[in-house]
Protein backbone atom coordinates (compact mmCIF):
# COMPACT_ATOMS: atom_id res chain seq x y z
CA MET A 1 -0.11 0.14 -0.20
CA SER A 2 1.65 3.28 -1.26
CA SER A 3 1.70 5.96 1.78
CA LYS A 4 1.21 9.01 -1.10
CA GLU A 5 -2.01 11.01 -0.37
CA LYS A 6 -4.79 10.99 -3.07
CA PRO A 7 -5.23 13.55 -5.40
CA THR A 8 -8.25 15.99 -4.87
CA LEU A 9 -9.65 18.74 -6.79
CA GLY A 10 -9.20 22.30 -5.93
CA GLY A 11 -10.01 25.64 -6.70
CA THR A 12 -11.40 28.87 -5.54
CA ARG A 13 -15.18 28.99 -5.13
CA ILE A 14 -16.62 31.77 -7.41
CA LYS A 15 -19.13 34.11 -5.89
CA THR A 16 -22.17 34.66 -7.88
CA ARG A 17 -23.15 38.39 -8.54
CA LYS A 18 -26.16 39.40 -6.60
CA ARG A 19 -27.67 41.92 -9.60
CA ASN A 20 -27.57 38.60 -11.81
CA ILE A 21 -30.34 36.56 -9.63
CA ALA A 22 -33.39 37.77 -10.66
CA ALA A 23 -36.30 37.85 -7.60
CA PRO A 24 -39.39 36.12 -8.42
CA LEU A 25 -42.23 38.62 -9.56
CA ASP A 26 -44.72 39.49 -6.71
CA PRO A 27 -47.48 41.63 -7.43
CA ALA A 28 -49.78 40.45 -4.97
CA ALA A 29 -47.33 41.85 -1.70
CA PHE A 30 -47.18 44.90 -3.69
CA ALA A 31 -50.35 45.31 -4.22
CA ASP A 32 -51.70 44.19 -0.30
CA ALA A 33 -48.77 46.88 0.44
CA VAL A 34 -50.51 49.71 -1.35
CA VAL A 35 -54.03 48.26 -0.46
CA GLN A 36 -52.61 48.49 3.40
CA ILE A 37 -51.25 52.06 2.88
CA TYR A 38 -55.02 53.17 1.49
CA LEU A 39 -56.88 51.44 4.40
CA ASP A 40 -54.13 52.82 7.17
CA ASN A 41 -55.07 56.06 5.86
CA ALA A 42 -58.79 55.91 5.71
CA GLY A 43 -58.73 57.05 1.87
CA ASP A 44 -57.37 60.29 2.56
CA LEU A 45 -55.38 60.43 -0.92
CA GLU A 46 -53.34 63.37 0.41
CA LEU A 47 -52.00 61.26 3.35
CA VAL A 48 -51.84 57.68 0.98
CA ALA A 49 -49.71 60.01 -1.29
CA LYS A 50 -46.97 60.68 1.40
CA ASN A 51 -47.02 57.41 2.71
CA LEU A 52 -46.45 56.36 -0.63
CA GLU A 53 -43.85 58.30 -1.50
CA SER A 54 -41.76 57.39 2.24
CA SER A 55 -42.30 53.79 1.73
CA ASP A 56 -39.93 51.32 -0.47
CA LEU A 57 -42.09 49.81 -2.91
CA ASN A 58 -40.90 49.00 -6.07
CA PHE A 59 -42.73 51.09 -8.37
CA SER A 60 -41.05 50.40 -11.58
CA ARG A 61 -41.26 46.85 -11.27
CA TYR A 62 -45.32 46.75 -10.26
CA GLY A 63 -46.46 49.94 -12.03
CA ASP A 64 -49.57 48.14 -13.51
CA THR A 65 -50.30 46.77 -10.39
CA PHE A 66 -50.36 50.36 -8.56
CA PHE A 67 -52.90 51.81 -10.78
CA GLU A 68 -54.82 48.69 -11.00
CA VAL A 69 -55.39 49.09 -7.08
CA VAL A 70 -56.12 52.96 -7.67
CA PHE A 71 -58.73 52.41 -10.21
CA THR A 72 -60.49 49.09 -8.63
CA GLY A 73 -59.09 48.87 -5.07
CA GLY A 74 -56.84 45.80 -5.81
CA ARG A 75 -55.52 43.43 -8.17
CA THR A 76 -57.58 42.20 -10.85
CA GLN A 77 -57.45 38.93 -13.04
CA PRO A 78 -55.32 38.73 -16.55
CA GLY A 79 -57.79 39.88 -19.10
CA THR A 80 -60.27 40.52 -17.01
CA ILE A 81 -61.68 43.39 -14.45
CA LYS A 82 -62.71 40.39 -11.69
CA PRO A 83 -61.07 41.04 -8.30
CA ASP A 84 -57.72 38.62 -7.85
CA GLU A 85 -56.80 37.37 -4.32
CA GLY A 86 -56.18 39.71 -1.94
CA GLU A 87 -56.68 42.90 0.62
CA ARG A 88 -58.89 45.04 -1.21
CA HIS A 89 -60.34 48.77 -0.45
CA PRO A 90 -63.02 50.56 -0.56
CA TYR A 91 -61.71 53.98 -2.19
CA SER A 92 -61.10 53.01 -5.17
CA VAL A 93 -62.15 55.30 -8.81
CA ILE A 94 -64.83 52.39 -9.40
CA GLU A 95 -66.55 52.47 -5.81
CA CYS A 96 -66.63 56.26 -5.69
CA GLU A 97 -69.56 58.31 -6.70
CA ALA A 98 -70.09 58.87 -10.22
CA LYS A 99 -69.80 62.68 -9.86
CA ARG A 100 -66.80 65.38 -10.73
CA GLU A 101 -66.18 66.28 -6.78
CA ALA A 102 -65.74 62.56 -5.54
CA ILE A 103 -63.63 61.63 -8.66
CA LEU A 104 -61.27 64.91 -9.43
CA PRO A 105 -59.06 64.35 -5.80
CA SER A 106 -58.16 60.86 -7.67
CA VAL A 107 -56.90 62.64 -10.39
CA ILE A 108 -55.07 65.37 -8.81
CA TYR A 109 -53.74 62.45 -6.24
CA ILE A 110 -52.58 60.56 -9.54
CA GLN A 111 -50.76 63.46 -10.93
CA LYS A 112 -48.77 63.89 -7.64
CA ILE A 113 -47.49 60.38 -7.73
CA LEU A 114 -46.62 61.13 -11.88
CA ARG A 115 -44.60 64.28 -10.82
CA ARG A 116 -42.50 62.34 -8.20
CA ARG A 117 -42.52 58.87 -10.25
CA PRO A 118 -42.90 59.97 -14.38
CA PHE A 119 -41.82 56.38 -15.48
CA LEU A 120 -45.58 55.31 -14.44
CA ILE A 121 -46.83 57.19 -16.97
CA LYS A 122 -46.77 54.11 -19.30
CA ASN A 123 -48.35 51.97 -16.76
CA LEU A 124 -51.35 54.60 -16.27
CA GLU A 125 -51.83 54.29 -20.54
CA ASN A 126 -51.36 50.65 -20.16
CA VAL A 127 -53.95 50.10 -17.34
CA MET A 128 -56.45 52.73 -18.90
CA GLN A 129 -56.28 50.96 -22.45
CA ARG A 130 -57.38 47.41 -20.46
CA LEU A 131 -60.20 49.00 -18.81
CA LEU A 132 -61.25 51.12 -21.70
CA GLN A 133 -61.23 47.92 -24.04
CA SER A 134 -62.96 45.92 -21.14
CA LEU A 135 -66.26 48.18 -20.81
CA GLU A 136 -68.54 45.33 -21.51
CA LEU A 137 -67.26 43.92 -18.05
CA PHE A 138 -68.59 46.89 -16.02
CA GLU A 139 -71.74 47.92 -14.83
CA ASP A 140 -73.58 51.32 -16.55
CA ASN A 141 -72.15 53.14 -13.34
CA GLU A 142 -68.67 52.21 -13.46
CA ARG A 143 -68.97 53.14 -17.31
CA LYS A 144 -69.94 56.80 -16.61
CA LYS A 145 -67.20 57.22 -13.38
CA LEU A 146 -64.49 56.20 -16.03
CA ALA A 147 -65.95 58.33 -18.15
CA ILE A 148 -65.88 61.63 -15.58
CA PHE A 149 -62.63 60.32 -15.04
CA THR A 150 -61.27 60.36 -18.18
CA ALA A 151 -62.70 63.74 -19.01
CA LEU A 152 -61.46 65.45 -15.96
CA ALA A 153 -57.74 63.85 -16.73
CA PHE A 154 -58.11 65.70 -20.07
CA SER A 155 -59.37 69.07 -18.20
CA GLN A 156 -56.35 68.47 -15.87
CA LYS A 157 -53.95 67.84 -18.32
CA LEU A 158 -52.99 64.59 -17.10
CA SER A 159 -49.62 63.31 -18.16
CA GLY A 160 -49.89 59.20 -19.34
CA LEU A 161 -53.36 59.88 -21.27
CA PRO A 162 -52.79 60.94 -24.70
CA PRO A 163 -56.25 61.36 -27.01
CA GLU A 164 -55.23 58.58 -28.82
CA THR A 165 -54.82 55.78 -25.87
CA VAL A 166 -58.86 56.83 -24.68
CA PHE A 167 -60.48 56.64 -28.30
CA GLN A 168 -58.39 54.20 -30.21
CA PRO A 169 -59.17 51.39 -27.64
CA LEU A 170 -62.67 52.01 -27.32
CA LEU A 171 -63.05 51.34 -31.58
CA LYS A 172 -63.20 47.73 -30.71
CA ASP A 173 -66.50 45.72 -32.52
CA ASN A 174 -68.41 44.19 -30.33
CA LEU A 175 -67.89 47.50 -27.63
CA VAL A 176 -69.22 49.70 -30.43
CA VAL A 177 -71.88 47.41 -31.51
CA LYS A 178 -73.59 47.02 -27.88
CA GLY A 179 -73.88 51.15 -27.79
CA LEU A 180 -71.80 50.60 -25.20
CA VAL A 181 -68.45 53.63 -26.98
CA LEU A 182 -71.64 56.05 -27.30
CA SER A 183 -72.76 55.95 -24.02
CA PHE A 184 -69.32 56.13 -22.89
CA ILE A 185 -68.25 58.97 -25.44
CA THR A 186 -71.46 61.04 -24.63
CA ASP A 187 -70.64 60.92 -20.88
CA PHE A 188 -67.12 62.02 -21.66
CA PHE A 189 -68.44 65.16 -24.03
CA LYS A 190 -70.63 66.16 -21.18
CA GLU A 191 -68.51 66.19 -18.45
CA TYR A 192 -65.57 67.65 -20.44
CA LEU A 193 -67.38 70.76 -21.93
CA VAL A 194 -68.19 71.61 -18.37
CA ASP A 195 -64.97 73.24 -17.84
CA ASN A 196 -63.83 73.41 -20.98
CA SER A 197 -65.14 74.89 -24.66
CA LEU A 198 -65.77 73.06 -27.90
CA GLU A 199 -62.62 74.31 -29.36
CA ASP A 200 -60.99 72.44 -26.64
CA LEU A 201 -62.89 69.10 -27.26
CA ILE A 202 -62.23 69.61 -31.14
CA SER A 203 -58.29 69.99 -30.33
CA ILE A 204 -58.19 66.64 -28.37
CA LEU A 205 -60.37 64.80 -30.93
CA LYS A 206 -58.13 66.40 -34.10
CA ARG A 207 -54.87 64.79 -31.56
CA GLY A 208 -56.83 61.39 -31.28
CA LYS A 209 -57.44 61.38 -35.03
CA MET A 210 -61.23 61.18 -34.60
CA GLU A 211 -61.86 64.53 -35.80
CA ASP A 212 -63.03 63.35 -39.09
CA ASN A 213 -64.31 60.04 -37.44
CA LEU A 214 -67.21 60.56 -34.98
CA LEU A 215 -69.53 58.50 -36.72
CA ASP A 216 -67.16 55.51 -35.40
CA PHE A 217 -68.52 56.02 -31.83
CA PHE A 218 -71.85 54.70 -33.19
CA PRO A 219 -73.62 51.39 -33.91
CA SER A 220 -74.16 51.26 -37.44
CA ALA A 221 -77.98 51.15 -37.22
CA LYS A 222 -77.77 54.72 -36.17
CA ARG A 223 -74.21 55.41 -37.76
CA SER A 224 -75.80 58.79 -39.81
CA PRO A 225 -75.43 62.41 -39.63
CA GLU A 226 -79.47 62.02 -38.64
CA GLY A 227 -78.59 59.80 -35.83
CA PHE A 228 -75.42 61.53 -34.68
CA SER A 229 -77.74 65.06 -34.58
CA GLU A 230 -80.64 63.42 -33.18
CA HIS A 231 -78.66 61.54 -30.25
CA PHE A 232 -76.32 64.52 -29.34
CA THR A 233 -79.31 67.18 -29.54
CA LYS A 234 -81.40 64.59 -27.17
CA GLU A 235 -78.14 64.82 -25.01
CA GLY A 236 -78.00 68.58 -24.92
CA LEU A 237 -74.93 68.75 -26.78
CA VAL A 238 -76.31 71.59 -29.99
CA PRO A 239 -72.79 73.02 -30.32
CA LEU A 240 -71.38 69.46 -31.29
CA VAL A 241 -73.93 69.21 -33.56
CA GLU A 242 -73.75 72.84 -35.25
CA TYR A 243 -69.72 71.45 -35.51
CA ASN A 244 -70.65 68.76 -37.01
CA GLU A 245 -73.11 69.88 -39.32
CA LYS A 246 -70.67 72.62 -40.66
CA LYS A 247 -68.27 69.67 -40.95
CA ILE A 248 -70.19 67.41 -43.09
CA PHE A 249 -71.01 70.72 -45.13
CA GLU A 250 -67.63 71.86 -45.83
CA VAL A 251 -66.98 68.29 -47.16
CA LYS A 252 -69.48 68.49 -49.58
CA LEU A 253 -68.62 71.69 -50.58
CA LYS A 254 -64.87 70.23 -51.46
CA GLU A 255 -66.04 67.16 -52.82
CA MET A 256 -68.49 69.51 -55.38
CA LYS A 257 -65.60 72.10 -55.88
CA SER A 258 -63.49 68.80 -56.52
CA ALA A 259 -65.60 67.28 -59.26
CA LEU A 260 -66.09 70.97 -60.64
CA THR A 261 -62.73 71.46 -61.31
CA THR A 262 -62.50 68.25 -62.94
CA GLN A 263 -64.94 68.89 -65.74
CA ILE A 264 -63.58 72.39 -66.34
CA ALA A 265 -60.47 71.31 -66.94
CA GLU A 266 -61.51 68.48 -68.78
CA GLU A 267 -63.71 71.07 -70.76
CA SER A 268 -66.55 68.95 -70.17
CA ASP A 269 -70.00 69.18 -72.36
CA ILE A 270 -71.49 72.69 -70.49
CA SER A 271 -75.00 70.79 -70.08
CA GLU A 272 -73.31 67.97 -68.25
CA VAL A 273 -71.49 70.07 -66.17
CA ILE A 274 -74.83 72.19 -64.97
CA GLU A 275 -76.57 69.10 -64.54
CA ASN A 276 -73.84 67.51 -62.21
CA VAL A 277 -73.91 70.63 -60.12
CA LYS A 278 -77.66 70.85 -59.70
CA GLN A 279 -77.32 67.07 -58.72
CA ARG A 280 -74.98 67.55 -56.25
CA VAL A 281 -76.85 70.77 -55.01
CA ASN A 282 -79.89 68.86 -54.48
CA ASP A 283 -78.34 65.96 -52.79
CA ALA A 284 -76.60 68.07 -50.33
CA LYS A 285 -79.02 70.53 -49.72
CA LEU A 286 -76.16 73.38 -50.89
CA PRO A 287 -77.19 76.88 -50.18
CA ASP A 288 -77.34 78.74 -53.53
CA ILE A 289 -75.12 81.20 -52.21
CA GLU A 290 -72.39 78.75 -51.71
CA VAL A 291 -72.62 77.54 -55.15
CA VAL A 292 -72.27 80.94 -56.54
CA ARG A 293 -69.11 81.41 -54.69
CA ILE A 294 -67.44 78.00 -55.89
CA LEU A 295 -68.49 78.57 -59.21
CA TRP A 296 -66.60 81.81 -59.74
CA ASP A 297 -63.75 80.25 -57.89
CA VAL A 298 -63.32 77.12 -59.93
CA ILE A 299 -63.81 79.05 -63.34
CA MET A 300 -61.13 81.35 -62.18
CA ASP A 301 -58.91 79.02 -60.94
CA ALA A 302 -59.08 77.23 -64.21
CA VAL A 303 -57.38 80.47 -65.81
CA GLN A 304 -53.97 80.11 -67.60
CA TRP A 305 -52.11 83.95 -65.97
CA SER A 306 -49.72 85.07 -67.61
CA GLY A 307 -47.07 86.74 -65.11
CA LYS A 308 -47.10 90.51 -66.55
CA ASN A 309 -49.08 90.60 -69.86
CA GLN A 310 -52.12 92.39 -68.77
CA GLN A 311 -53.67 92.18 -71.96
CA GLN A 312 -53.38 88.70 -72.03
CA ASN A 313 -54.62 88.27 -68.51
CA ALA A 314 -57.55 90.40 -69.53
CA ASN A 315 -58.32 88.13 -72.84
CA SER A 316 -57.93 84.96 -70.50
CA ALA A 317 -60.64 85.94 -67.79
CA LEU A 318 -62.70 87.40 -69.96
CA ARG A 319 -62.80 84.23 -72.64
CA GLN A 320 -63.08 82.03 -69.49
CA VAL A 321 -66.48 84.49 -68.69
CA LYS A 322 -67.44 83.54 -72.27
CA THR A 323 -67.16 80.12 -72.02
CA TRP A 324 -69.07 79.24 -68.97
CA ALA A 325 -71.67 81.86 -68.89
CA LYS A 326 -74.25 79.54 -69.00
CA LEU A 327 -73.18 77.62 -66.00
CA LEU A 328 -72.98 81.01 -63.85
CA ASN A 329 -76.39 82.11 -65.49
CA SER A 330 -78.38 78.68 -64.79
CA PHE A 331 -77.46 79.12 -60.85
CA CYS A 332 -77.72 83.06 -60.34
CA SER A 333 -81.38 82.97 -60.44
CA SER A 334 -81.86 86.12 -58.45
CA GLY A 335 -81.39 89.86 -57.59
CA LYS A 336 -79.53 88.54 -54.91
CA LEU A 337 -77.47 85.43 -56.23
CA GLU A 338 -76.56 87.87 -59.00
CA LEU A 339 -75.11 90.72 -56.45
CA GLU A 340 -73.56 87.84 -54.25
CA LEU A 341 -71.66 86.94 -57.56
CA MET A 342 -70.43 90.96 -58.45
CA TYR A 343 -69.34 90.91 -54.07
CA LYS A 344 -67.15 87.75 -55.43
CA VAL A 345 -65.82 89.41 -58.36
CA GLN A 346 -65.16 92.68 -56.29
CA MET A 347 -63.11 90.48 -53.86
CA GLN A 348 -61.46 88.76 -56.06
CA CYS A 349 -59.98 91.81 -57.93
CA TYR A 350 -58.85 93.12 -54.73
CA GLU A 351 -57.14 90.62 -53.84
CA ASP A 352 -55.16 89.60 -56.55
CA ALA A 353 -52.97 92.85 -58.36
CA LYS A 354 -53.19 91.38 -61.43
CA LEU A 355 -56.99 91.84 -61.79
CA MET A 356 -57.56 95.01 -60.07
CA LYS A 357 -58.02 96.66 -63.58
CA LEU A 358 -60.44 93.98 -64.82
CA PHE A 359 -63.40 94.65 -62.60
CA PRO A 360 -65.23 96.91 -65.35
CA GLU A 361 -64.67 94.33 -68.12
CA ILE A 362 -65.70 91.60 -66.60
CA VAL A 363 -68.87 92.95 -64.83
CA LYS A 364 -69.06 94.21 -68.64
CA SER A 365 -68.82 90.74 -69.76
CA LEU A 366 -71.01 89.27 -67.27
CA TYR A 367 -73.49 91.95 -68.15
CA ASP A 368 -73.34 90.66 -71.96
CA GLN A 369 -73.76 87.01 -71.12
CA ASP A 370 -76.59 87.91 -69.24
CA VAL A 371 -75.04 86.53 -66.23
CA LEU A 372 -75.87 89.84 -64.51
CA ALA A 373 -78.95 92.20 -64.56
CA GLU A 374 -78.69 95.86 -65.05
CA ASP A 375 -80.63 96.78 -61.93
CA THR A 376 -77.94 94.45 -60.04
CA ILE A 377 -75.01 96.31 -61.32
CA LEU A 378 -76.62 99.56 -60.73
CA TYR A 379 -77.92 98.65 -57.05
CA TRP A 380 -74.04 97.52 -56.89
CA PHE A 381 -72.63 100.95 -57.99
CA ARG A 382 -75.24 102.93 -55.48
CA LYS A 383 -75.56 100.97 -52.40
CA GLY A 384 -72.99 97.72 -52.13
CA LEU A 385 -71.71 97.36 -48.99
CA ASN A 386 -68.13 95.38 -49.35
CA PRO A 387 -65.91 98.38 -48.42
CA LYS A 388 -63.01 96.83 -50.11
CA GLY A 389 -61.80 98.49 -52.99
CA ARG A 390 -64.69 100.17 -53.54
CA GLN A 391 -64.09 103.28 -54.21
CA THR A 392 -61.82 102.71 -57.08
CA PHE A 393 -63.73 100.06 -58.49
CA VAL A 394 -66.98 102.09 -58.12
CA LYS A 395 -64.60 105.27 -60.15
CA ALA A 396 -63.71 102.28 -62.90
CA LEU A 397 -67.24 101.19 -63.52
CA GLU A 398 -68.90 104.68 -63.98
CA PRO A 399 -68.81 105.23 -67.83
CA PHE A 400 -70.45 101.73 -68.13
CA VAL A 401 -72.92 102.94 -65.36
CA ASN A 402 -73.06 105.79 -67.00
CA TRP A 403 -74.04 103.98 -70.24
CA LEU A 404 -76.44 101.90 -68.78
CA GLU A 405 -78.48 104.81 -67.15
CA GLU A 406 -78.47 106.58 -70.58
CA ALA A 407 -79.33 103.55 -72.56
CA GLU A 408 -82.58 103.55 -69.90
CA GLU A 409 -83.23 107.06 -70.63
CA GLU A 410 -83.77 106.92 -74.43
CA GLU A 411 -86.22 103.68 -74.08
């Protein structure tokens, strides 16, 4: 037997760095701790905020859980709003009264939390999106509280709630079909407009990419301009109805102008153009005055203006008037509309330097083509109300008016 010692394995023991050890997630313990702070302070949100500030709770890891506790009183089961196991408190947004004075303190409280911990902004956004996408799981009264909270959050300019965060999650088909979105957005509009103007609301809708898509909030059976007007008039939101009607009106005018521009550029048959305009006017119920204004704009926009050659500009403008006189004549069907056309010509000549000297020639051409009556021209000359360039234009038109009056006396 050998007396030598047997060889042994040796070496240095390597210590594992603590930062490489991931602590297991424990949102339940975090939620219970936050709930306990609420309970210990009887829901006094100022005291709750102070105690949260002095605590060593890991908000960066459990931000979503924190806002679940704020909104629902405790943790919720994944994918639902059902309570999960653990402590709960009765001072949440969902549990308070559905009144602004009861909900506003929660908005201000969240503002304080976000000022101290701005990294929680994304967590607020996440939780709000989940809640809004789960509207069908709430009771009517709870949905109203969420709508009031959201409106007050925008009024207070609460960080973490960009408009698209609110509006886009609402557009789930199943929520829209059941009318839950329309009910929510109506409560939101009504509450927001208590402290803010319609212009402020439109600004939010623009940022949320919903300004032109308000009908998307309506179930398909009610998704029409008439349905929109009926619903919001009934809810007392008449300014919103008027805004929407104006918006629809502007879209229809724009569509008619676009179609007319194409036809004139393509030199379509004038009878076809007249028929198209009449059809659009009837379908959209467009006011005659607006139609006359658009006709003049489109006809003049199609003129190929010369840079400096005044005579060429005059010839082009007068040629255009002569070409489309029948179109103008079809819609200048009264002295009032003829006068509106004269005001339109006056404004264009006043605003465009190359047309300043063309005013009397254009008026005379419109008279020769039976678009403007003698009485209309004389009325404008004596009593016209638009002051823009009036003195200059009256003087320029005076020889033509004298001729009209002399011809009238001879008759």
